[in-house]
Amino acid sequence: MKAPVYIGLMSGTSLDGLDIAACSFDGGGFRLYAAETRPFDPLLKKRLRHAAESNVESLSALHAEFGSWMGKAASDFMKSHGIEAVEALCSHGQTLLHRPGQRHTLQIGSGAHLAAASGCRVVCDFRQGDMALGGQGAPLVPLAERDLFPEYAFFINLGGIANISVRKSDGSMEGFDVCACNCILDSLAGALGEEMDEDGRRAAKGNAHEGLLRTLISASDEAFGSSALDAGEAARLFFAKAALFSLTTDDCLATAVRYISRMLARALAPHLPSAGDKRVLLTGGGAFNKTLIKQLSEEAPSFRFQVPDADLVRYKEAVAFAYLGKLRLEKKVNILASVTGASRDSIGGAVYLP
C-alpha cells in the first residue's frame, strides 16, 4: 500500500514565494515526491509585505484571499505532479507579527478558504496553542528535525530569521532564534535592483564595518535576549543602526553577513561538545550564500557546516510542517515545551475540512 501523502506549505518572511512539498513518512524517515516554489505575483507580494500596516478590513480580505490563492496553488501543484489525493495540506501561513512576550502571534492565510479552494483537508495555525500555554510559539521545526534527521545534532535554518536547533546529549531538543538574516540581505539586494545577493557576490566585494558590527551585536543582545524574533522588528533594528553610518550598500551587505555569522557562532559556542559529531546541517535560502557560509566557517571553526542537496535546502521547512500536520491528525505531540518554553508539550494546529 502506498504511504499517505502530506503536503507542506511554507511562506517565509523573505517572501520568496510559496514553498510546496509533497511527502510521505515511514519508519522515521521521509520521501519527498515533488516540490516547487510558486512565486507571488508582484501585487500579492507587495500586499503581503505591507499587510501589517493595513486596516482591519484590508487585512481580513487579504487573509481570505491568500488562503484561496494557496489553495489554488496547491491544487495546480497536485495536478501538475499527478498527485491524486493527500491526507492534508499543512500550512504555516504568512507571519505578519510575532509577540511572544505578549503571548500573541499572527499568521494569515485562512485555513477555511484554503480547504475550500483545494478540496483538501487542512492543518494550520500551529503556533497559537503553544502561546496560549505560555510558550514562544517558535521554533516549531526542531521536533521534525529530531525525528527526520537523526544523524545530526545541530541545525541552522538561514531564512528570514536565522535560527538554531540542538539535539542535546539526552536526546531532547533545544531551539532558538538568533538574528535577522535574509530579511535584511534581500532588502539590501533590493536597493541594488536585485532579488537577492546571488552567491553573496556583492557582500564579498564590500568591507565589513567593525563599528557598525559592534553596535549591531550590542543592540541585538539588549533588544532580543532569548526571545523568539519578529522579523520586522529584527530588520528594523539592523537598518536603524546602519543609518548611523555612511556605508555603501556593498559594505552594508558585507557587515550584515559578518553580523549574521558572528551571532550564529556566538550562539553555537556554548553547545560545542568535547567529543562527538560536530556537523551542522544548513538549510534555508541563506545556505546558497557562499560568502555567508565561508564567514560562518571562519567564525566557528570547531563546527563542520554541511549544505545538503538543493531540494532539502529549499524545502526542509515545508517538509517539517507536513510532518507536524501528520502528527496533529494522529493526535500526537508536535510542539516541544523544551524548545518553546511552554508549560507542557502540546498538539498544535487547527483542522479545516473542505
Protein backbone atom coordinates (compact mmCIF):
# COMPACT_ATOMS: atom_id res chain seq x y z
CA MET A 1 0.00 0.00 0.00
CA LYS A 2 1.32 3.41 -0.93
CA ALA A 3 2.21 5.59 2.04
CA PRO A 4 -0.16 8.52 2.68
CA VAL A 5 0.95 11.82 1.15
CA TYR A 6 1.05 15.09 3.08
CA ILE A 7 1.75 18.47 1.51
CA GLY A 8 3.60 21.14 3.44
CA LEU A 9 3.07 24.80 2.55
CA MET A 10 5.64 27.31 3.74
CA SER A 11 5.66 31.05 3.13
CA GLY A 12 8.61 32.69 4.88
CA THR A 13 9.29 36.25 5.95
CA SER A 14 11.61 36.80 2.98
CA LEU A 15 8.57 36.42 0.67
CA ASP A 16 10.40 34.33 -1.92
CA GLY A 17 7.12 32.59 -2.74
CA LEU A 18 5.10 29.63 -1.51
CA ASP A 19 7.18 26.50 -0.96
CA ILE A 20 5.14 23.35 -1.63
CA ALA A 21 6.44 19.89 -0.72
CA ALA A 22 4.60 16.58 -1.16
CA CYS A 23 5.98 13.96 1.23
CA SER A 24 5.33 10.63 2.88
CA PHE A 25 6.73 9.49 6.23
CA ASP A 26 7.62 5.97 7.20
CA GLY A 27 9.97 4.34 9.67
CA GLY A 28 11.39 7.61 10.97
CA GLY A 29 12.35 8.89 7.52
CA PHE A 30 10.60 10.72 4.73
CA ARG A 31 10.26 10.64 0.98
CA LEU A 32 9.95 13.84 -1.00
CA TYR A 33 7.78 13.10 -4.04
CA ALA A 34 7.70 16.57 -5.54
CA ALA A 35 8.47 20.13 -4.52
CA GLU A 36 8.44 23.58 -6.05
CA THR A 37 8.18 27.25 -5.16
CA ARG A 38 5.21 29.14 -6.55
CA PRO A 39 6.23 32.80 -6.89
CA PHE A 40 3.90 35.53 -5.71
CA ASP A 41 2.74 37.92 -8.39
CA PRO A 42 4.11 41.44 -7.76
CA LEU A 43 0.83 42.84 -6.42
CA LEU A 44 0.29 39.97 -3.96
CA LYS A 45 3.90 40.21 -2.80
CA LYS A 46 3.51 43.94 -2.22
CA ARG A 47 0.28 43.42 -0.28
CA LEU A 48 1.87 40.73 1.90
CA ARG A 49 4.94 42.86 2.54
CA HIS A 50 2.83 45.76 3.77
CA ALA A 51 -0.01 43.75 5.31
CA ALA A 52 0.95 44.57 8.89
CA GLU A 53 0.27 48.24 8.09
CA SER A 54 -3.23 47.52 6.70
CA ASN A 55 -6.52 48.44 8.30
CA VAL A 56 -8.69 45.68 9.72
CA GLU A 57 -10.92 45.34 6.65
CA SER A 58 -7.99 45.11 4.23
CA LEU A 59 -6.22 42.60 6.44
CA SER A 60 -9.33 40.43 6.76
CA ALA A 61 -9.74 40.45 2.98
CA LEU A 62 -6.10 39.51 2.44
CA HIS A 63 -6.37 36.69 4.99
CA ALA A 64 -9.21 35.14 2.97
CA GLU A 65 -7.70 35.87 -0.46
CA PHE A 66 -4.30 34.48 0.47
CA GLY A 67 -5.92 31.29 1.76
CA SER A 68 -7.76 30.90 -1.54
CA TRP A 69 -4.58 31.69 -3.51
CA MET A 70 -2.67 28.98 -1.63
CA GLY A 71 -5.50 26.53 -2.24
CA LYS A 72 -5.39 27.18 -5.98
CA ALA A 73 -1.58 26.90 -5.97
CA ALA A 74 -1.73 23.58 -4.12
CA SER A 75 -4.42 22.25 -6.46
CA ASP A 76 -2.37 23.21 -9.54
CA PHE A 77 0.71 21.62 -7.96
CA MET A 78 -1.14 18.34 -7.37
CA LYS A 79 -2.39 18.25 -10.94
CA SER A 80 0.99 19.04 -12.46
CA HIS A 81 2.70 16.31 -10.45
CA GLY A 82 -0.03 13.69 -10.81
CA ILE A 83 -0.90 13.63 -7.09
CA GLU A 84 -4.48 12.43 -6.87
CA ALA A 85 -5.11 12.50 -3.14
CA VAL A 86 -3.45 13.78 0.01
CA GLU A 87 -4.11 13.33 3.70
CA ALA A 88 -3.83 17.06 4.34
CA LEU A 89 -2.34 20.37 3.30
CA CYS A 90 -0.25 21.55 6.25
CA SER A 91 0.17 25.32 6.12
CA HIS A 92 2.48 27.54 8.11
CA GLY A 93 0.78 30.72 6.84
CA GLN A 94 2.41 34.12 6.35
CA THR A 95 3.66 35.61 9.60
CA LEU A 96 2.81 39.30 9.96
CA LEU A 97 3.88 39.75 13.56
CA HIS A 98 5.14 37.66 16.43
CA ARG A 99 4.92 38.96 20.01
CA PRO A 100 5.89 36.13 22.37
CA GLY A 101 6.25 38.50 25.31
CA GLN A 102 2.61 39.46 24.88
CA ARG A 103 1.51 35.88 24.08
CA HIS A 104 0.11 36.53 20.63
CA THR A 105 1.12 35.96 17.04
CA LEU A 106 -0.49 36.36 13.61
CA GLN A 107 -0.12 34.18 10.53
CA ILE A 108 -2.56 34.89 7.71
CA GLY A 109 -3.89 32.55 5.02
CA SER A 110 -7.36 31.37 6.00
CA GLY A 111 -7.47 27.61 6.53
CA ALA A 112 -11.16 27.52 5.64
CA HIS A 113 -10.55 29.24 2.31
CA LEU A 114 -7.50 27.06 1.67
CA ALA A 115 -9.61 23.93 2.22
CA ALA A 116 -12.45 25.19 0.03
CA ALA A 117 -10.15 26.19 -2.85
CA SER A 118 -8.12 22.97 -2.81
CA GLY A 119 -10.76 20.41 -1.88
CA CYS A 120 -8.35 19.04 0.74
CA ARG A 121 -8.29 18.77 4.50
CA VAL A 122 -6.09 21.50 6.01
CA VAL A 123 -3.98 21.78 9.17
CA CYS A 124 -2.83 25.31 10.03
CA ASP A 125 -2.41 27.80 12.91
CA PHE A 126 0.30 25.71 14.54
CA ARG A 127 1.64 28.42 16.86
CA GLN A 128 -1.45 29.62 18.71
CA GLY A 129 -1.89 26.78 21.18
CA ASP A 130 1.70 26.88 22.35
CA MET A 131 1.48 30.61 23.01
CA ALA A 132 -1.70 30.10 24.99
CA LEU A 133 0.36 27.74 27.17
CA GLY A 134 2.96 30.44 27.79
CA GLY A 135 5.35 29.35 25.04
CA GLN A 136 7.15 31.43 22.46
CA GLY A 137 5.26 29.74 19.62
CA ALA A 138 8.62 29.12 17.97
CA PRO A 139 10.68 27.43 16.77
CA LEU A 140 8.42 24.55 15.79
CA VAL A 141 10.72 22.72 13.38
CA PRO A 142 13.10 21.13 15.97
CA LEU A 143 10.71 18.24 16.63
CA ALA A 144 10.71 17.37 12.93
CA GLU A 145 14.49 17.72 12.83
CA ARG A 146 14.78 15.35 15.79
CA ASP A 147 12.68 12.68 14.10
CA LEU A 148 13.62 13.07 10.43
CA PHE A 149 17.37 13.77 10.67
CA PRO A 150 18.68 11.57 13.50
CA GLU A 151 22.23 11.70 12.11
CA TYR A 152 22.63 15.40 13.01
CA ALA A 153 22.93 17.13 16.37
CA PHE A 154 22.97 20.72 15.06
CA PHE A 155 20.70 22.51 12.60
CA ILE A 156 20.75 26.07 11.29
CA ASN A 157 18.00 27.50 9.13
CA LEU A 158 19.05 30.62 7.24
CA GLY A 159 15.66 32.06 6.34
CA GLY A 160 14.22 35.48 7.01
CA ILE A 161 15.39 34.85 10.57
CA ALA A 162 18.42 32.68 11.36
CA ASN A 163 17.66 30.05 13.97
CA ILE A 164 19.46 27.10 15.56
CA SER A 165 18.28 23.71 16.82
CA VAL A 166 20.42 21.49 19.03
CA ARG A 167 19.99 17.82 19.91
CA LYS A 168 21.25 17.58 23.49
CA SER A 169 23.17 14.62 24.91
CA ASP A 170 19.99 13.21 26.50
CA GLY A 171 18.20 13.31 23.12
CA SER A 172 15.99 16.29 23.94
CA MET A 173 15.83 19.28 21.61
CA GLU A 174 16.55 22.94 22.16
CA GLY A 175 15.82 25.63 19.60
CA PHE A 176 16.10 29.40 19.42
CA ASP A 177 16.07 32.33 17.03
CA VAL A 178 19.37 34.19 16.71
CA CYS A 179 19.14 37.22 14.44
CA ALA A 180 17.72 38.67 11.25
CA CYS A 181 19.07 37.01 8.11
CA ASN A 182 17.51 37.05 4.64
CA CYS A 183 15.05 39.76 5.63
CA ILE A 184 18.00 42.19 5.71
CA LEU A 185 20.15 40.62 2.99
CA ASP A 186 17.29 40.59 0.47
CA SER A 187 16.28 44.14 1.37
CA LEU A 188 19.83 45.36 0.79
CA ALA A 189 19.97 43.47 -2.52
CA GLY A 190 16.68 45.12 -3.47
CA ALA A 191 18.37 48.51 -3.13
CA LEU A 192 20.71 47.32 -5.88
CA GLY A 193 17.78 46.26 -8.07
CA GLU A 194 18.31 42.55 -7.38
CA GLU A 195 16.06 39.92 -5.78
CA MET A 196 18.95 38.60 -3.70
CA ASP A 197 22.72 38.82 -3.41
CA GLU A 198 23.46 35.83 -5.65
CA ASP A 199 26.11 33.63 -4.00
CA GLY A 200 26.95 36.57 -1.72
CA ARG A 201 28.94 38.22 -4.50
CA ARG A 202 28.14 41.81 -3.55
CA ALA A 203 28.88 41.08 0.12
CA ALA A 204 32.25 39.66 -0.95
CA LYS A 205 33.04 42.96 -2.73
CA GLY A 206 32.25 45.05 0.33
CA ASN A 207 34.12 45.63 3.59
CA ALA A 208 32.58 44.86 6.95
CA HIS A 209 32.44 47.92 9.20
CA GLU A 210 33.62 46.97 12.70
CA GLY A 211 31.92 49.95 14.36
CA LEU A 212 28.53 49.05 12.93
CA LEU A 213 29.16 45.39 13.70
CA ARG A 214 29.82 46.08 17.39
CA THR A 215 26.78 48.36 17.55
CA LEU A 216 24.53 45.70 15.98
CA ILE A 217 25.66 42.92 18.29
CA SER A 218 25.29 45.06 21.41
CA ALA A 219 21.84 46.31 20.34
CA SER A 220 20.67 42.78 19.45
CA ASP A 221 21.75 41.42 22.82
CA GLU A 222 19.89 44.19 24.61
CA ALA A 223 16.74 44.13 22.47
CA PHE A 224 16.12 40.45 21.92
CA GLY A 225 17.84 38.29 24.53
CA SER A 226 16.50 34.74 24.15
CA SER A 227 13.08 35.66 22.74
CA ALA A 228 11.63 34.31 19.51
CA LEU A 229 12.16 37.08 16.99
CA ASP A 230 9.74 39.09 14.92
CA ALA A 231 11.37 39.51 11.50
CA GLY A 232 10.09 43.04 11.06
CA GLU A 233 11.48 44.19 14.41
CA ALA A 234 14.82 42.45 13.81
CA ALA A 235 15.18 44.06 10.37
CA ARG A 236 14.23 47.50 11.69
CA LEU A 237 16.94 47.25 14.34
CA PHE A 238 19.55 46.49 11.69
CA PHE A 239 18.58 49.36 9.41
CA ALA A 240 18.21 51.84 12.28
CA LYS A 241 21.78 51.14 13.36
CA ALA A 242 23.11 51.05 9.79
CA ALA A 243 21.65 54.53 9.20
CA LEU A 244 24.08 55.89 11.80
CA PHE A 245 26.97 55.12 9.46
CA SER A 246 27.68 56.27 5.90
CA LEU A 247 28.25 53.00 4.10
CA THR A 248 27.82 51.76 0.56
CA THR A 249 25.28 49.02 0.01
CA ASP A 250 28.08 46.54 -0.64
CA ASP A 251 29.68 47.46 2.69
CA CYS A 252 26.29 47.09 4.40
CA LEU A 253 25.94 43.63 2.87
CA ALA A 254 29.45 42.69 3.99
CA THR A 255 28.68 43.91 7.51
CA ALA A 256 25.33 42.09 7.55
CA VAL A 257 26.95 38.81 6.55
CA ARG A 258 29.62 39.19 9.22
CA TYR A 259 26.94 40.11 11.79
CA ILE A 260 24.85 37.03 10.98
CA SER A 261 27.83 34.67 11.02
CA ARG A 262 29.20 36.09 14.28
CA MET A 263 25.82 35.98 16.02
CA LEU A 264 25.39 32.35 14.96
CA ALA A 265 28.91 31.43 16.08
CA ARG A 266 28.29 33.01 19.50
CA ALA A 267 25.02 31.12 19.85
CA LEU A 268 26.63 27.80 18.86
CA ALA A 269 29.67 28.12 21.10
CA PRO A 270 28.06 27.05 24.42
CA HIS A 271 26.84 23.85 22.78
CA LEU A 272 30.18 22.67 21.40
CA PRO A 273 30.63 19.07 22.55
CA SER A 274 34.02 17.95 23.81
CA ALA A 275 33.61 14.88 21.61
CA GLY A 276 31.14 13.52 19.11
CA ASP A 277 29.64 14.73 15.88
CA LYS A 278 30.05 18.46 15.27
CA ARG A 279 28.29 18.58 11.90
CA VAL A 280 25.74 21.34 11.35
CA LEU A 281 23.00 20.92 8.73
CA LEU A 282 22.47 24.23 6.93
CA THR A 283 19.19 24.91 5.13
CA GLY A 284 17.12 27.90 4.04
CA GLY A 285 17.86 30.36 1.26
CA GLY A 286 20.91 31.75 3.03
CA ALA A 287 22.64 28.38 2.61
CA PHE A 288 23.17 29.34 -1.05
CA ASN A 289 25.09 32.47 0.03
CA LYS A 290 28.69 31.31 -0.35
CA THR A 291 30.11 34.37 1.38
CA LEU A 292 27.90 33.80 4.42
CA ILE A 293 28.87 30.12 4.67
CA LYS A 294 32.56 30.95 4.30
CA GLN A 295 32.42 33.53 7.07
CA LEU A 296 30.36 31.25 9.31
CA SER A 297 33.09 28.61 8.96
CA GLU A 298 35.67 31.23 9.91
CA GLU A 299 33.71 32.42 12.93
CA ALA A 300 33.00 28.90 14.25
CA PRO A 301 35.92 26.73 13.04
CA SER A 302 35.20 23.92 15.53
CA PHE A 303 31.96 23.03 13.73
CA ARG A 304 31.57 21.38 10.34
CA PHE A 305 28.92 23.13 8.27
CA GLN A 306 27.20 21.00 5.65
CA VAL A 307 24.92 22.21 2.87
CA PRO A 308 22.75 19.33 1.59
CA ASP A 309 21.19 18.96 -1.85
CA ALA A 310 19.28 21.95 -3.19
CA ASP A 311 15.82 20.45 -2.65
CA LEU A 312 16.48 19.88 1.04
CA VAL A 313 17.95 23.38 1.40
CA ARG A 314 14.84 24.90 -0.15
CA TYR A 315 12.09 22.68 1.19
CA LYS A 316 13.12 21.35 4.61
CA GLU A 317 10.76 23.77 6.37
CA ALA A 318 7.84 22.72 4.15
CA VAL A 319 8.64 19.06 4.79
CA ALA A 320 8.75 19.79 8.52
CA PHE A 321 5.29 21.35 8.52
CA ALA A 322 3.92 18.43 6.54
CA TYR A 323 5.27 16.20 9.32
CA LEU A 324 3.84 18.41 12.08
CA GLY A 325 0.46 18.25 10.32
CA LYS A 326 0.67 14.46 10.18
CA LEU A 327 1.31 14.31 13.93
CA ARG A 328 -1.60 16.69 14.56
CA LEU A 329 -4.00 14.43 12.72
CA GLU A 330 -2.66 11.42 14.64
CA LYS A 331 -3.22 13.35 17.89
CA LYS A 332 0.45 13.11 18.78
CA VAL A 333 2.65 15.78 20.35
CA ASN A 334 4.07 18.08 17.68
CA ILE A 335 5.31 21.02 19.76
CA LEU A 336 8.07 20.67 22.36
CA ALA A 337 7.98 22.73 25.54
CA SER A 338 11.75 22.25 25.87
CA VAL A 339 12.08 24.38 22.74
CA THR A 340 9.31 26.96 23.15
CA GLY A 341 9.24 27.38 26.92
CA ALA A 342 5.56 26.46 27.24
CA SER A 343 4.16 24.87 30.38
CA ARG A 344 3.95 21.50 28.61
CA ASP A 345 4.32 19.71 25.29
CA SER A 346 1.24 20.09 23.12
CA ILE A 347 -0.59 19.10 19.96
CA GLY A 348 -0.80 22.22 17.83
CA GLY A 349 -2.84 23.06 14.75
CA ALA A 350 -6.39 23.79 13.68
CA VAL A 351 -8.09 21.41 11.24
CA TYR A 352 -10.44 22.51 8.43
CA LEU A 353 -12.43 20.21 6.18
CA PRO A 354 -13.21 21.06 2.54
